[in-house]
Amino acid sequence: MTTRTLDEAVLAEITADTAGGDTTTDHRRPLTFVDATIHTLDPVIGDFATADLLLGGDVIVAVGPGLHTAAEDDGAIVVDCTGLTIVPAVVDSPYLGMWIDETGFIHQELTADGRYDETRGGRPHAYQGSFWIHGDRIVYRDDLGFWAYGRFSDDVLHHAGYAFHRR
């Protein structure tokens, strides 16, 4: 395995979106960060003192120890992150912030670290977990283990039969 230090040449290779002038196909190679401290922001998975993180495009494909063993087989760019910390995050989503249902009973906060915290009837932290947004869809994974889904439409979050408005 060829491990490289993060420098200008690696950054140029990482950010190259296309190859051979073809602008219709994404030719980015997988990217593997190795030997980093990784904070997953997911209490179920936990954090890793030393592990690898594999990116496929702009999606985290895998996280954990030993991913680097197949990195070259996949044609990945491998970056040595010894001594560095990785914290995956939601970046610049227009849907972050506080959402309140029409009765005011439920307050749901979506934060930039990909976490949500829901207050119900004044009871704080009634539900907490991770969320992912893709287009106008939101997927929740509660810390208790269940999944839930919602949709954004005309600045309204539709989730579990409720209509939430941003505060």
Protein backbone atom coordinates (compact mmCIF):
# COMPACT_ATOMS: atom_id res chain seq x y z
CA MET A 1 0.00 0.00 0.00
CA THR A 2 1.32 3.42 -0.94
CA THR A 3 0.44 5.95 1.77
CA ARG A 4 0.84 9.62 0.98
CA THR A 5 0.98 12.71 3.14
CA LEU A 6 -1.70 15.31 2.57
CA ASP A 7 0.01 17.98 0.44
CA GLU A 8 -0.76 20.15 -2.61
CA ALA A 9 -0.30 17.28 -5.07
CA VAL A 10 -2.70 15.01 -3.16
CA LEU A 11 -5.23 17.84 -2.82
CA ALA A 12 -5.08 18.45 -6.58
CA GLU A 13 -5.66 14.75 -7.24
CA ILE A 14 -8.56 14.60 -4.74
CA THR A 15 -10.34 17.62 -6.19
CA ALA A 16 -9.98 16.60 -9.85
CA ASP A 17 -13.60 15.94 -10.84
CA THR A 18 -13.15 14.59 -14.35
CA ALA A 19 -10.57 12.90 -16.53
CA GLY A 20 -9.87 13.23 -20.22
CA GLY A 21 -12.23 16.19 -20.69
CA ASP A 22 -15.35 14.04 -20.13
CA THR A 23 -17.70 16.22 -18.08
CA THR A 24 -20.61 13.76 -18.05
CA THR A 25 -18.96 11.11 -15.85
CA ASP A 26 -17.56 11.43 -12.34
CA HIS A 27 -14.07 9.91 -12.45
CA ARG A 28 -13.06 10.65 -8.86
CA ARG A 29 -11.20 7.81 -7.21
CA PRO A 30 -12.17 6.50 -3.78
CA LEU A 31 -10.31 8.24 -0.97
CA THR A 32 -9.07 6.43 2.15
CA PHE A 33 -7.86 8.34 5.19
CA VAL A 34 -5.77 5.97 7.32
CA ASP A 35 -4.61 5.87 10.94
CA ALA A 36 -6.72 8.83 12.10
CA THR A 37 -8.64 9.42 15.31
CA ILE A 38 -12.25 9.33 14.09
CA HIS A 39 -15.24 10.81 15.92
CA THR A 40 -18.30 9.29 14.21
CA LEU A 41 -20.86 11.45 16.09
CA ASP A 42 -22.93 8.28 16.37
CA PRO A 43 -23.25 6.86 19.90
CA VAL A 44 -24.03 3.40 18.53
CA ILE A 45 -20.81 3.21 16.50
CA GLY A 46 -18.70 5.27 18.88
CA ASP A 47 -15.30 6.80 18.24
CA PHE A 48 -12.06 5.19 17.05
CA ALA A 49 -8.64 6.03 18.48
CA THR A 50 -6.95 4.76 15.29
CA ALA A 51 -8.98 3.83 12.22
CA ASP A 52 -9.59 4.43 8.53
CA LEU A 53 -12.35 6.29 6.70
CA LEU A 54 -13.31 5.47 3.10
CA LEU A 55 -15.03 8.05 0.89
CA GLY A 56 -16.78 7.17 -2.35
CA GLY A 57 -17.39 10.56 -3.99
CA ASP A 58 -18.98 12.71 -1.28
CA VAL A 59 -20.38 9.76 0.71
CA ILE A 60 -18.73 8.05 3.68
CA VAL A 61 -18.72 4.42 2.58
CA ALA A 62 -17.02 2.83 5.58
CA VAL A 63 -15.24 3.63 8.83
CA GLY A 64 -13.17 1.38 11.07
CA PRO A 65 -9.81 -0.29 11.48
CA GLY A 66 -8.22 -2.21 8.61
CA LEU A 67 -10.00 -0.61 5.64
CA HIS A 68 -6.65 0.32 4.14
CA THR A 69 -5.85 -3.34 3.41
CA ALA A 70 -8.03 -3.26 0.27
CA ALA A 71 -7.48 0.39 -0.63
CA GLU A 72 -5.12 -0.21 -3.53
CA ASP A 73 -7.37 -2.98 -4.90
CA ASP A 74 -10.10 -0.34 -5.16
CA GLY A 75 -7.78 2.21 -6.78
CA ALA A 76 -8.16 4.52 -3.78
CA ILE A 77 -5.99 7.48 -2.98
CA VAL A 78 -4.57 6.64 0.46
CA VAL A 79 -3.74 9.54 2.80
CA ASP A 80 -1.79 9.05 6.04
CA CYS A 81 -3.63 10.87 8.84
CA THR A 82 -1.47 9.77 11.77
CA GLY A 83 -1.90 12.35 14.53
CA LEU A 84 -4.96 13.91 12.85
CA THR A 85 -8.63 13.82 13.87
CA ILE A 86 -11.57 13.36 11.50
CA VAL A 87 -15.06 14.56 12.42
CA PRO A 88 -17.64 13.95 9.66
CA ALA A 89 -20.26 16.69 9.54
CA VAL A 90 -23.24 17.98 7.64
CA VAL A 91 -22.11 21.08 5.78
CA ASP A 92 -24.18 24.07 4.74
CA SER A 93 -27.66 22.51 4.63
CA PRO A 94 -30.51 24.99 4.25
CA TYR A 95 -32.57 22.77 6.58
CA LEU A 96 -30.50 23.11 9.75
CA GLY A 97 -32.08 24.81 12.75
CA MET A 98 -35.19 24.55 14.90
CA TRP A 99 -38.41 23.09 13.47
CA ILE A 100 -41.70 23.34 15.42
CA ASP A 101 -44.94 21.50 14.68
CA GLU A 102 -48.12 23.53 14.11
CA THR A 103 -49.36 23.00 17.70
CA GLY A 104 -46.04 23.93 19.31
CA PHE A 105 -45.92 20.56 21.10
CA ILE A 106 -42.86 19.21 19.24
CA HIS A 107 -39.61 21.12 18.76
CA GLN A 108 -36.97 19.40 16.63
CA GLU A 109 -33.50 20.84 16.23
CA LEU A 110 -31.30 19.72 13.32
CA THR A 111 -27.65 20.56 13.99
CA ALA A 112 -24.60 20.84 11.72
CA ASP A 113 -23.00 17.74 13.25
CA GLY A 114 -25.76 15.56 11.77
CA ARG A 115 -27.66 15.14 15.04
CA TYR A 116 -31.24 15.93 15.99
CA ASP A 117 -32.73 16.62 19.41
CA GLU A 118 -36.49 16.60 19.89
CA THR A 119 -38.46 18.18 22.74
CA ARG A 120 -42.07 16.99 23.20
CA GLY A 121 -44.52 18.84 25.42
CA GLY A 122 -41.69 20.60 27.20
CA ARG A 123 -39.86 17.30 27.88
CA PRO A 124 -36.32 17.85 26.58
CA HIS A 125 -34.41 15.12 24.71
CA ALA A 126 -37.53 12.99 24.12
CA TYR A 127 -35.85 11.68 20.96
CA GLN A 128 -32.26 12.11 19.85
CA GLY A 129 -30.24 10.64 17.04
CA SER A 130 -28.54 11.09 13.70
CA PHE A 131 -30.04 12.37 10.47
CA TRP A 132 -29.10 12.48 6.80
CA ILE A 133 -30.54 14.82 4.17
CA HIS A 134 -30.57 13.99 0.48
CA GLY A 135 -32.37 16.49 -1.73
CA ASP A 136 -35.76 17.10 -0.12
CA ARG A 137 -35.71 13.88 1.95
CA ILE A 138 -34.54 13.40 5.54
CA VAL A 139 -33.73 10.06 7.15
CA TYR A 140 -33.51 9.74 10.93
CA ARG A 141 -31.84 7.01 12.99
CA ASP A 142 -32.83 7.41 16.60
CA ASP A 143 -30.35 6.52 19.33
CA LEU A 144 -32.90 3.92 20.49
CA GLY A 145 -32.38 2.13 17.15
CA PHE A 146 -35.47 2.92 15.07
CA TRP A 147 -35.55 4.68 11.70
CA ALA A 148 -37.93 7.46 10.62
CA TYR A 149 -38.37 9.49 7.44
CA GLY A 150 -39.53 12.92 6.36
CA ARG A 151 -39.73 15.32 3.43
CA PHE A 152 -39.16 19.05 2.99
CA SER A 153 -41.67 20.88 0.79
CA ASP A 154 -42.22 24.64 0.47
CA ASP A 155 -40.24 25.36 3.66
CA VAL A 156 -42.29 22.80 5.63
CA LEU A 157 -40.87 19.59 7.12
CA HIS A 158 -43.39 16.74 6.84
CA HIS A 159 -42.53 13.98 9.32
CA ALA A 160 -44.61 11.29 11.07
CA GLY A 161 -47.90 12.97 10.21
CA TYR A 162 -46.76 16.37 11.49
CA ALA A 163 -46.02 19.58 9.62
CA PHE A 164 -43.05 21.47 11.07
CA HIS A 165 -42.15 25.08 10.34
CA ARG A 166 -38.74 26.64 10.90
CA ARG A 167 -38.46 29.01 13.81
